[in-house]
Amino acid sequence: MVINKKCGLNTSKKNMVKNKSVNVKKVMLGMVGEKIVAQYLRNQGHAVEESLDPFDSEKDMFMDGNKIEVKTQVPFMVEDSFAIHPSQLPKIHGNHKVYFVSVPPTKNFDPNGGWIYELTDTQNFKCHRRTLSSGRETLCIPRNQTAMQKIMKIKDANLIKTLQDLSTSYFNY
């Protein structure tokens, strides 16, 4: 086992492989969510230009010339919210619209799972901080608020299964 002295993390080979696998799944999950949203927007008649950089720190795509961000995740069920890292807030504020792809959890029933949500006002929306039991800070953006609209149900069962398989949420374990 190797201890990273700078941050005190266990970086054993087993954990590095697990972390790499989790990171790959997160990137793939995000890419699938972006494809879902891009297709939805195109079907609505919008001109969509997807970012070629999967790690673009400003936006995931352009819609009709406006920056768009997509978040794909199992909601934080305790809060009925989408959870983001506080460092993501400027990115949310810097985009014209934000879309959340709500991945249905596999272990719990979520009547709102499998929907695409649109955060219609990226400047004025409800959110609050929450400290998780792990000590990590998160921002919770409630799904049930005026600025958040359910816009499309994902009906393709294979696509839902792919989203669930790529999710790293503890609600799926």
Protein backbone atom coordinates (compact mmCIF):
# COMPACT_ATOMS: atom_id res chain seq x y z
CA MET A 1 0.00 0.00 0.00
CA VAL A 2 1.20 3.51 -0.83
CA ILE A 3 0.17 6.55 1.20
CA ASN A 4 0.10 9.83 -0.65
CA LYS A 5 1.69 12.14 1.94
CA LYS A 6 0.29 15.28 0.36
CA CYS A 7 -3.35 14.35 0.97
CA GLY A 8 -3.14 11.17 3.06
CA LEU A 9 -5.02 9.04 0.55
CA ASN A 10 -4.70 5.30 0.25
CA THR A 11 -3.48 4.81 -3.30
CA SER A 12 -3.03 1.05 -3.30
CA LYS A 13 -3.25 -0.56 -6.74
CA LYS A 14 -6.67 -2.01 -5.87
CA ASN A 15 -8.06 1.42 -4.93
CA MET A 16 -6.44 3.09 -7.95
CA VAL A 17 -8.10 0.56 -10.28
CA LYS A 18 -11.44 1.01 -8.51
CA ASN A 19 -11.15 4.81 -8.67
CA LYS A 20 -10.19 4.69 -12.35
CA SER A 21 -13.19 2.48 -13.06
CA VAL A 22 -15.50 4.86 -11.16
CA ASN A 23 -14.08 7.88 -12.99
CA VAL A 24 -14.49 6.19 -16.40
CA LYS A 25 -18.09 5.34 -15.55
CA LYS A 26 -18.78 8.94 -14.47
CA VAL A 27 -17.37 10.32 -17.72
CA MET A 28 -19.35 7.80 -19.78
CA LEU A 29 -22.54 8.54 -17.82
CA GLY A 30 -22.10 12.24 -18.49
CA MET A 31 -21.52 11.63 -22.18
CA VAL A 32 -24.67 9.50 -22.48
CA GLY A 33 -26.70 12.18 -20.69
CA GLU A 34 -25.33 14.83 -23.03
CA LYS A 35 -26.31 12.73 -26.08
CA ILE A 36 -29.84 12.29 -24.68
CA VAL A 37 -30.26 16.03 -24.12
CA ALA A 38 -28.70 16.95 -27.50
CA GLN A 39 -31.11 14.61 -29.30
CA TYR A 40 -34.07 16.02 -27.35
CA LEU A 41 -33.08 19.59 -28.23
CA ARG A 42 -32.59 18.71 -31.91
CA ASN A 43 -36.02 17.06 -31.94
CA GLN A 44 -37.41 20.35 -30.61
CA GLY A 45 -35.92 22.16 -33.62
CA HIS A 46 -32.87 23.70 -31.92
CA ALA A 47 -29.45 24.00 -33.50
CA VAL A 48 -27.09 22.03 -31.23
CA GLU A 49 -23.30 22.00 -31.29
CA GLU A 50 -21.80 19.52 -28.86
CA SER A 51 -18.44 20.23 -27.23
CA LEU A 52 -15.63 18.04 -28.52
CA ASP A 53 -13.85 18.32 -25.15
CA PRO A 54 -15.46 15.98 -22.58
CA PHE A 55 -13.78 18.01 -19.81
CA ASP A 56 -14.92 21.44 -21.03
CA SER A 57 -15.07 23.57 -17.87
CA GLU A 58 -17.59 26.08 -19.25
CA LYS A 59 -20.34 24.15 -21.04
CA ASP A 60 -21.31 20.83 -22.57
CA MET A 61 -22.87 22.19 -25.75
CA PHE A 62 -24.34 25.18 -27.50
CA MET A 63 -28.05 25.42 -28.24
CA ASP A 64 -28.94 28.16 -30.71
CA GLY A 65 -25.63 29.82 -29.81
CA ASN A 66 -26.21 29.68 -26.02
CA LYS A 67 -24.10 27.70 -23.55
CA ILE A 68 -25.80 24.61 -22.10
CA GLU A 69 -24.71 22.40 -19.19
CA VAL A 70 -25.93 18.82 -18.65
CA LYS A 71 -25.78 16.94 -15.36
CA THR A 72 -26.62 13.22 -15.34
CA GLN A 73 -27.16 11.59 -11.95
CA VAL A 74 -29.29 9.64 -9.54
CA PRO A 75 -30.97 12.36 -7.47
CA PHE A 76 -30.15 12.81 -3.80
CA MET A 77 -33.33 11.06 -2.69
CA VAL A 78 -33.31 12.26 0.94
CA GLU A 79 -33.62 15.83 -0.33
CA ASP A 80 -35.51 15.09 -3.60
CA SER A 81 -32.74 17.15 -5.18
CA PHE A 82 -29.96 17.06 -7.68
CA ALA A 83 -26.64 17.38 -5.87
CA ILE A 84 -23.64 19.23 -7.23
CA HIS A 85 -20.26 20.09 -5.81
CA PRO A 86 -20.21 23.75 -4.66
CA SER A 87 -17.42 24.46 -7.17
CA GLN A 88 -19.96 23.76 -9.97
CA LEU A 89 -22.17 26.72 -9.02
CA PRO A 90 -20.30 29.28 -11.18
CA LYS A 91 -20.61 26.87 -14.11
CA ILE A 92 -24.38 26.63 -13.52
CA HIS A 93 -24.64 30.43 -13.35
CA GLY A 94 -22.53 30.80 -16.50
CA ASN A 95 -24.88 28.77 -18.71
CA HIS A 96 -28.10 29.77 -20.45
CA LYS A 97 -29.87 26.54 -19.40
CA VAL A 98 -28.94 23.50 -17.36
CA TYR A 99 -30.45 20.09 -18.02
CA PHE A 100 -30.50 17.29 -15.47
CA VAL A 101 -30.96 13.71 -16.61
CA SER A 102 -32.53 11.96 -13.63
CA VAL A 103 -31.17 8.40 -13.49
CA PRO A 104 -33.65 6.06 -11.75
CA PRO A 105 -32.04 4.35 -8.75
CA THR A 106 -31.97 0.56 -8.92
CA LYS A 107 -32.58 -0.10 -5.21
CA ASN A 108 -35.30 2.47 -4.47
CA PHE A 109 -38.35 3.61 -6.43
CA ASP A 110 -38.24 7.15 -7.74
CA PRO A 111 -41.46 8.24 -9.49
CA ASN A 112 -39.49 11.04 -11.14
CA GLY A 113 -36.60 8.89 -12.32
CA GLY A 114 -35.92 8.70 -16.03
CA TRP A 115 -36.96 12.29 -16.72
CA ILE A 116 -35.02 15.16 -18.23
CA TYR A 117 -35.35 18.32 -16.14
CA GLU A 118 -34.61 21.84 -17.31
CA LEU A 119 -33.33 24.50 -14.93
CA THR A 120 -34.96 27.43 -16.70
CA ASP A 121 -33.40 30.25 -14.68
CA THR A 122 -29.74 29.61 -13.92
CA GLN A 123 -29.45 32.79 -11.84
CA ASN A 124 -32.50 32.47 -9.57
CA PHE A 125 -33.23 29.00 -8.29
CA LYS A 126 -33.52 27.35 -4.91
CA CYS A 127 -30.52 25.48 -3.57
CA HIS A 128 -29.00 24.82 -0.18
CA ARG A 129 -25.80 23.39 1.25
CA ARG A 130 -25.68 20.04 2.93
CA THR A 131 -22.80 18.28 4.62
CA LEU A 132 -22.88 14.55 3.92
CA SER A 133 -21.99 11.94 6.53
CA SER A 134 -18.62 11.60 4.78
CA GLY A 135 -17.95 15.28 5.57
CA ARG A 136 -18.22 16.27 1.90
CA GLU A 137 -20.12 19.49 1.13
CA THR A 138 -22.78 19.43 -1.57
CA LEU A 139 -25.33 21.83 -3.00
CA CYS A 140 -28.83 20.45 -3.27
CA ILE A 141 -31.04 21.80 -6.06
CA PRO A 142 -34.62 20.65 -5.37
CA ARG A 143 -36.43 19.05 -8.28
CA ASN A 144 -39.73 20.52 -7.09
CA GLN A 145 -39.38 24.28 -7.66
CA THR A 146 -40.57 26.91 -10.11
CA ALA A 147 -37.19 27.14 -11.88
CA MET A 148 -37.06 23.36 -12.51
CA GLN A 149 -39.32 21.83 -15.15
CA LYS A 150 -39.80 18.17 -16.10
CA ILE A 151 -39.60 18.21 -19.88
CA MET A 152 -39.32 14.65 -21.19
CA LYS A 153 -39.64 11.08 -19.94
CA ILE A 154 -36.98 8.70 -21.25
CA LYS A 155 -39.02 5.73 -22.48
CA ASP A 156 -36.28 3.51 -23.90
CA ALA A 157 -35.76 0.74 -21.30
CA ASN A 158 -32.32 -0.13 -22.71
CA LEU A 159 -31.20 3.48 -22.37
CA ILE A 160 -32.47 3.61 -18.77
CA LYS A 161 -30.55 0.39 -18.03
CA THR A 162 -27.38 1.88 -19.54
CA LEU A 163 -27.74 4.97 -17.34
CA GLN A 164 -28.24 2.80 -14.26
CA ASP A 165 -25.27 0.58 -15.12
CA LEU A 166 -22.99 3.62 -15.48
CA SER A 167 -24.18 5.32 -12.31
CA THR A 168 -21.81 5.31 -9.35
CA SER A 169 -24.50 6.45 -6.91
CA TYR A 170 -24.74 4.66 -3.58
CA PHE A 171 -28.52 4.44 -4.23
CA ASN A 172 -27.66 1.80 -6.84
CA TYR A 173 -25.72 -0.48 -4.49
